[in-house]
Amino acid sequence: MLLVARCAPVDMLNATISTDGLTVLHDLPYGPLPRQAMDVYRPAANTGPLPVVVFFYGGAWQRGARGDYRFVAAELARQGIVVAVPDYRLAPQAPYPDFLKDAARAVAMVRADAAGWGGDSRRIVLAGHSAGAHIAAMLALDPVWLRAAGMSRSDLAGWVGISGPYDFLPIVEDDIKAVFAPADGHLATTQPITYADADAPPTLLLQGEADTTVLPRNTAALAARLKAAGAQVRVRYYPGAGHVGAVLGFAPLFRDRSPVLSDVAGFVRGIAESGKMLHSASRP
């Protein structure tokens, strides 16, 4: 669950990402606290309504900043998608479930304001990498978080998890134990796999086969549970890709690491156009 910035010079990477043809709205607050803000990227020439992706970044629930993920947001926006990247409060100052409360609040704001950005509030897809995939999964699968923000899982068109920890008990790392300490005795409630059911929004799970940070078994287990429940789920594994390589594929310089951009954009466009997925889970 390493932050991309720890594994690549993210400022240099983002310097290669143009925002020409895009409108970028910075520092939009969704709450009163300093980290309760987001950036929004949209195609400047397209008035919409366009599908919307809310992207949650990783960083072991302890690190990260929305500005580091221009290489994700700008490249998705070029695909005809409105993209919101929220910050959220971080552990240890804000352990579980504070970051989930922030994430749900951010999604509620996106739904309320999407039309003003050229987005379609009926076509919102949550997405995330690593710890951000855990956040997206919890909002998509456990009804309590969106309900507390005045929404429902049925308000989502789908969700995408990239290299996510969905079934990671027992927790062995001390810093991760501290993140989830408030759930002591109820750790199963912190696991997305606990909530996999037939009512899950359409799901796309992407995973690097060479990932040694968040093991591929997390993706395999969640996909199997969702499929057994009768949910719509598609899975793709990236041969040779590690934990960071799976998400770096959004950037043109690293497209050889993974086809994550085309996979996510294709999924978003597909469910936006048809209202359902056309393919079941498969492993190439």
Protein backbone atom coordinates (compact mmCIF):
# COMPACT_ATOMS: atom_id res chain seq x y z
CA MET A 1 0.00 0.00 0.00
CA LEU A 2 2.85 2.31 -0.79
CA LEU A 3 2.18 5.84 -1.92
CA VAL A 4 3.15 6.35 -5.53
CA ALA A 5 5.30 9.31 -4.53
CA ARG A 6 7.51 7.01 -2.48
CA CYS A 7 8.25 4.85 -5.50
CA ALA A 8 8.46 7.38 -8.31
CA PRO A 9 9.31 11.10 -8.46
CA VAL A 10 5.68 12.11 -8.69
CA ASP A 11 6.38 15.79 -9.36
CA MET A 12 8.48 14.83 -12.36
CA LEU A 13 5.82 12.38 -13.49
CA ASN A 14 3.05 14.97 -13.25
CA ALA A 15 5.22 17.46 -15.15
CA THR A 16 4.79 15.16 -18.16
CA ILE A 17 0.98 15.29 -17.88
CA SER A 18 -0.67 18.10 -19.83
CA THR A 19 -3.95 19.65 -18.76
CA ASP A 20 -4.49 21.28 -22.17
CA GLY A 21 -8.11 20.85 -23.17
CA LEU A 22 -9.17 20.25 -19.58
CA THR A 23 -10.80 22.43 -16.96
CA VAL A 24 -9.36 21.83 -13.49
CA LEU A 25 -11.17 23.05 -10.39
CA HIS A 26 -8.89 23.12 -7.35
CA ASP A 27 -9.56 23.10 -3.63
CA LEU A 28 -13.31 22.53 -3.63
CA PRO A 29 -14.36 21.99 0.00
CA TYR A 30 -16.71 19.18 0.95
CA GLY A 31 -16.37 19.85 4.67
CA PRO A 32 -14.88 22.37 7.12
CA LEU A 33 -11.57 20.61 7.84
CA PRO A 34 -8.33 21.27 5.91
CA ARG A 35 -8.21 17.82 4.28
CA GLN A 36 -11.89 17.83 3.36
CA ALA A 37 -11.37 19.21 -0.14
CA MET A 38 -11.10 17.88 -3.67
CA ASP A 39 -9.88 18.70 -7.17
CA VAL A 40 -12.12 18.11 -10.19
CA TYR A 41 -10.94 17.53 -13.78
CA ARG A 42 -13.23 17.67 -16.79
CA PRO A 43 -12.95 17.99 -20.59
CA ALA A 44 -13.22 21.71 -21.32
CA ALA A 45 -15.04 21.37 -24.64
CA ASN A 46 -17.62 18.76 -23.62
CA THR A 47 -20.70 20.11 -21.86
CA GLY A 48 -21.90 16.65 -20.89
CA PRO A 49 -23.60 15.11 -19.14
CA LEU A 50 -20.54 12.89 -18.70
CA PRO A 51 -19.93 9.89 -16.45
CA VAL A 52 -18.17 10.74 -13.18
CA VAL A 53 -15.33 8.95 -11.41
CA VAL A 54 -14.45 9.66 -7.77
CA PHE A 55 -10.87 8.45 -7.34
CA PHE A 56 -9.42 7.62 -3.90
CA TYR A 57 -5.64 7.36 -3.74
CA GLY A 58 -3.63 4.98 -1.59
CA GLY A 59 -0.93 5.45 1.02
CA ALA A 60 -1.72 2.90 3.74
CA TRP A 61 -4.48 5.22 5.04
CA GLN A 62 -1.64 7.36 6.44
CA ARG A 63 -0.19 9.31 3.51
CA GLY A 64 -1.27 10.97 0.28
CA ALA A 65 -2.37 14.20 -1.37
CA ARG A 66 -4.81 14.79 -4.20
CA GLY A 67 -2.33 16.91 -6.15
CA ASP A 68 -0.04 13.90 -6.58
CA TYR A 69 -2.62 12.14 -8.73
CA ARG A 70 -2.91 14.48 -11.69
CA PHE A 71 -1.49 11.66 -13.82
CA VAL A 72 -4.61 9.62 -13.01
CA ALA A 73 -7.24 12.33 -13.10
CA ALA A 74 -6.10 14.20 -16.21
CA GLU A 75 -5.71 11.05 -18.28
CA LEU A 76 -9.15 9.78 -17.28
CA ALA A 77 -10.67 13.19 -18.01
CA ARG A 78 -9.25 12.98 -21.55
CA GLN A 79 -11.41 9.90 -21.98
CA GLY A 80 -14.57 11.99 -21.60
CA ILE A 81 -15.02 11.55 -17.86
CA VAL A 82 -15.43 14.05 -15.03
CA VAL A 83 -12.92 13.05 -12.33
CA ALA A 84 -12.97 14.11 -8.68
CA VAL A 85 -9.95 13.40 -6.45
CA PRO A 86 -10.72 14.05 -2.77
CA ASP A 87 -8.30 14.27 0.09
CA TYR A 88 -9.43 12.63 3.31
CA ARG A 89 -8.24 12.63 6.90
CA LEU A 90 -5.34 10.31 7.58
CA ALA A 91 -4.30 8.02 10.40
CA PRO A 92 -2.98 8.06 13.05
CA GLN A 93 -4.65 11.41 13.77
CA ALA A 94 -7.84 10.18 12.07
CA PRO A 95 -7.97 6.37 12.21
CA TYR A 96 -10.75 4.07 11.04
CA PRO A 97 -13.53 4.94 10.31
CA ASP A 98 -12.85 8.69 9.92
CA PHE A 99 -11.47 8.33 6.40
CA LEU A 100 -14.59 6.40 5.36
CA LYS A 101 -16.84 9.14 6.74
CA ASP A 102 -14.84 11.72 4.78
CA ALA A 103 -14.98 9.64 1.60
CA ALA A 104 -18.74 9.21 1.83
CA ARG A 105 -19.18 12.93 2.44
CA ALA A 106 -17.04 13.67 -0.62
CA VAL A 107 -19.13 11.36 -2.80
CA ALA A 108 -22.32 13.04 -1.60
CA MET A 109 -20.93 16.41 -2.63
CA VAL A 110 -19.94 15.05 -6.04
CA ARG A 111 -23.46 13.76 -6.56
CA ALA A 112 -24.96 17.10 -5.55
CA ASP A 113 -22.62 19.21 -7.71
CA ALA A 114 -21.91 16.92 -10.68
CA ALA A 115 -24.33 18.64 -13.05
CA GLY A 116 -22.55 21.95 -12.58
CA TRP A 117 -19.33 20.33 -13.76
CA GLY A 118 -20.93 18.71 -16.80
CA GLY A 119 -21.27 15.38 -15.02
CA ASP A 120 -24.20 13.01 -14.70
CA SER A 121 -25.16 12.36 -11.07
CA ARG A 122 -26.79 9.08 -12.16
CA ARG A 123 -23.49 7.73 -13.50
CA ILE A 124 -21.05 7.94 -10.60
CA VAL A 125 -18.30 5.32 -10.38
CA LEU A 126 -16.03 5.03 -7.35
CA ALA A 127 -12.43 4.00 -7.96
CA GLY A 128 -9.28 3.67 -5.92
CA HIS A 129 -5.80 2.23 -5.71
CA SER A 130 -4.44 0.30 -2.73
CA ALA A 131 -5.86 1.79 0.50
CA GLY A 132 -8.01 3.95 -1.78
CA ALA A 133 -9.44 0.77 -3.29
CA HIS A 134 -10.33 -0.36 0.23
CA ILE A 135 -12.15 2.94 0.75
CA ALA A 136 -14.02 2.63 -2.57
CA ALA A 137 -14.92 -0.97 -1.75
CA MET A 138 -16.25 -0.16 1.71
CA LEU A 139 -18.46 2.62 0.33
CA ALA A 140 -19.71 0.42 -2.50
CA LEU A 141 -20.32 -2.72 -0.43
CA ASP A 142 -21.20 -1.66 3.13
CA PRO A 143 -24.43 0.39 2.98
CA VAL A 144 -23.80 2.23 6.25
CA TRP A 145 -21.27 4.78 4.96
CA LEU A 146 -23.20 6.26 2.04
CA ARG A 147 -26.43 6.08 4.02
CA ALA A 148 -24.89 8.31 6.69
CA ALA A 149 -24.11 10.84 3.93
CA GLY A 150 -27.66 10.79 2.58
CA MET A 151 -27.01 8.35 -0.27
CA SER A 152 -27.47 4.69 -1.13
CA ARG A 153 -25.36 2.07 -2.89
CA SER A 154 -28.01 2.16 -5.61
CA ASP A 155 -26.88 5.73 -6.38
CA LEU A 156 -23.60 4.30 -7.73
CA ALA A 157 -23.23 3.11 -11.31
CA GLY A 158 -20.28 0.92 -10.32
CA TRP A 159 -16.89 0.80 -8.65
CA VAL A 160 -13.30 -0.06 -9.55
CA GLY A 161 -10.64 -1.48 -7.25
CA ILE A 162 -6.96 -1.42 -8.27
CA SER A 163 -4.59 -3.55 -6.15
CA GLY A 164 -6.86 -3.27 -3.13
CA PRO A 165 -6.75 -4.87 0.33
CA TYR A 166 -10.18 -6.44 0.67
CA ASP A 167 -9.51 -9.43 2.92
CA PHE A 168 -6.36 -8.71 4.92
CA LEU A 169 -6.88 -10.28 8.33
CA PRO A 170 -4.95 -10.91 10.47
CA ILE A 171 -3.27 -7.51 10.50
CA VAL A 172 0.42 -7.94 11.29
CA GLU A 173 2.02 -4.53 10.61
CA ASP A 174 2.09 -2.27 13.67
CA ASP A 175 1.20 0.89 11.75
CA ILE A 176 -1.79 -0.80 10.10
CA LYS A 177 -2.90 -2.17 13.47
CA ALA A 178 -2.94 1.42 14.70
CA VAL A 179 -5.10 2.52 11.75
CA PHE A 180 -7.80 -0.01 12.65
CA ALA A 181 -7.38 0.01 16.43
CA PRO A 182 -10.84 1.60 17.02
CA ALA A 183 -12.41 -1.56 15.54
CA ASP A 184 -10.62 -3.84 18.03
CA GLY A 185 -12.73 -6.94 18.53
CA HIS A 186 -14.75 -6.19 15.40
CA LEU A 187 -12.06 -6.27 12.73
CA ALA A 188 -14.21 -8.28 10.33
CA THR A 189 -16.33 -5.15 9.94
CA THR A 190 -13.30 -3.37 8.40
CA GLN A 191 -13.00 -5.90 5.58
CA PRO A 192 -14.80 -5.26 2.28
CA ILE A 193 -15.23 -8.98 1.68
CA THR A 194 -17.57 -9.10 4.69
CA TYR A 195 -20.16 -7.11 2.74
CA ALA A 196 -19.97 -8.77 -0.68
CA ASP A 197 -23.54 -9.52 -1.75
CA ALA A 198 -25.86 -9.60 -4.72
CA ASP A 199 -26.69 -5.91 -4.34
CA ALA A 200 -23.11 -4.78 -4.94
CA PRO A 201 -22.78 -2.23 -7.74
CA PRO A 202 -21.13 -3.51 -10.94
CA THR A 203 -17.51 -4.17 -10.06
CA LEU A 204 -14.17 -4.08 -11.87
CA LEU A 205 -11.15 -5.50 -10.01
CA LEU A 206 -7.66 -4.91 -11.43
CA GLN A 207 -4.56 -6.52 -9.97
CA GLY A 208 -0.85 -6.82 -10.74
CA GLU A 209 0.19 -10.45 -10.60
CA ALA A 210 3.63 -9.49 -9.25
CA ASP A 211 2.22 -7.41 -6.37
CA THR A 212 4.00 -8.27 -3.10
CA THR A 213 2.54 -5.31 -1.15
CA VAL A 214 -1.15 -6.19 -1.40
CA LEU A 215 -1.22 -9.82 -2.37
CA PRO A 216 -3.38 -10.85 -5.35
CA ARG A 217 -5.31 -13.21 -3.08
CA ASN A 218 -7.27 -10.15 -1.89
CA THR A 219 -8.65 -9.59 -5.37
CA ALA A 220 -9.24 -13.29 -5.97
CA ALA A 221 -11.13 -13.72 -2.70
CA LEU A 222 -13.38 -10.70 -3.20
CA ALA A 223 -14.10 -11.61 -6.81
CA ALA A 224 -15.05 -15.16 -5.80
CA ARG A 225 -17.34 -13.94 -3.00
CA LEU A 226 -19.07 -11.41 -5.26
CA LYS A 227 -19.49 -13.93 -8.05
CA ALA A 228 -20.92 -16.52 -5.65
CA ALA A 229 -23.43 -13.94 -4.42
CA GLY A 230 -24.58 -13.24 -7.97
CA ALA A 231 -23.06 -9.77 -8.30
CA GLN A 232 -21.71 -8.39 -11.58
CA VAL A 233 -17.91 -8.54 -11.39
CA ARG A 234 -15.10 -8.41 -13.91
CA VAL A 235 -11.50 -9.21 -12.98
CA ARG A 236 -8.28 -8.55 -14.84
CA TYR A 237 -4.78 -9.49 -13.74
CA TYR A 238 -1.72 -7.74 -15.13
CA PRO A 239 1.18 -10.15 -15.70
CA GLY A 240 4.48 -8.79 -14.40
CA ALA A 241 2.94 -5.68 -12.84
CA GLY A 242 3.68 -4.87 -9.21
CA HIS A 243 1.72 -2.78 -6.75
CA VAL A 244 2.73 0.60 -8.12
CA GLY A 245 3.04 -0.53 -11.73
CA ALA A 246 -0.68 -1.27 -11.85
CA VAL A 247 -1.57 2.39 -11.22
CA LEU A 248 1.38 4.00 -13.01
CA GLY A 249 -0.12 2.68 -16.24
CA PHE A 250 -2.44 5.70 -16.23
CA ALA A 251 0.56 7.84 -17.27
CA PRO A 252 1.68 7.76 -20.93
CA LEU A 253 5.30 7.09 -19.92
CA PHE A 254 4.30 3.89 -18.14
CA ARG A 255 1.56 2.47 -20.34
CA ASP A 256 3.68 -0.65 -20.77
CA ARG A 257 3.23 -1.43 -17.05
CA SER A 258 -0.52 -2.01 -17.33
CA PRO A 259 -3.52 -1.13 -19.54
CA VAL A 260 -5.27 0.35 -16.51
CA LEU A 261 -6.40 3.52 -18.29
CA SER A 262 -8.20 1.72 -21.09
CA ASP A 263 -9.63 -0.85 -18.67
CA VAL A 264 -11.08 1.77 -16.30
CA ALA A 265 -12.30 4.09 -19.06
CA GLY A 266 -13.86 1.19 -20.95
CA PHE A 267 -15.65 -0.02 -17.82
CA VAL A 268 -16.98 3.46 -17.04
CA ARG A 269 -18.17 4.01 -20.59
CA GLY A 270 -19.67 0.53 -20.77
CA ILE A 271 -21.83 0.78 -17.69
CA ALA A 272 -22.71 4.36 -18.54
CA GLU A 273 -24.02 3.28 -21.94
CA SER A 274 -25.67 -0.01 -21.08
CA GLY A 275 -26.45 0.23 -17.38
CA LYS A 276 -24.91 -3.18 -16.87
CA MET A 277 -21.72 -5.08 -17.51
CA LEU A 278 -21.42 -7.26 -20.57
CA HIS A 279 -18.81 -9.67 -19.27
CA SER A 280 -18.49 -11.86 -16.22
CA ALA A 281 -15.35 -12.45 -14.18
CA SER A 282 -12.47 -13.88 -16.17
CA ARG A 283 -8.73 -14.33 -15.95
CA PRO A 284 -6.82 -13.85 -19.20
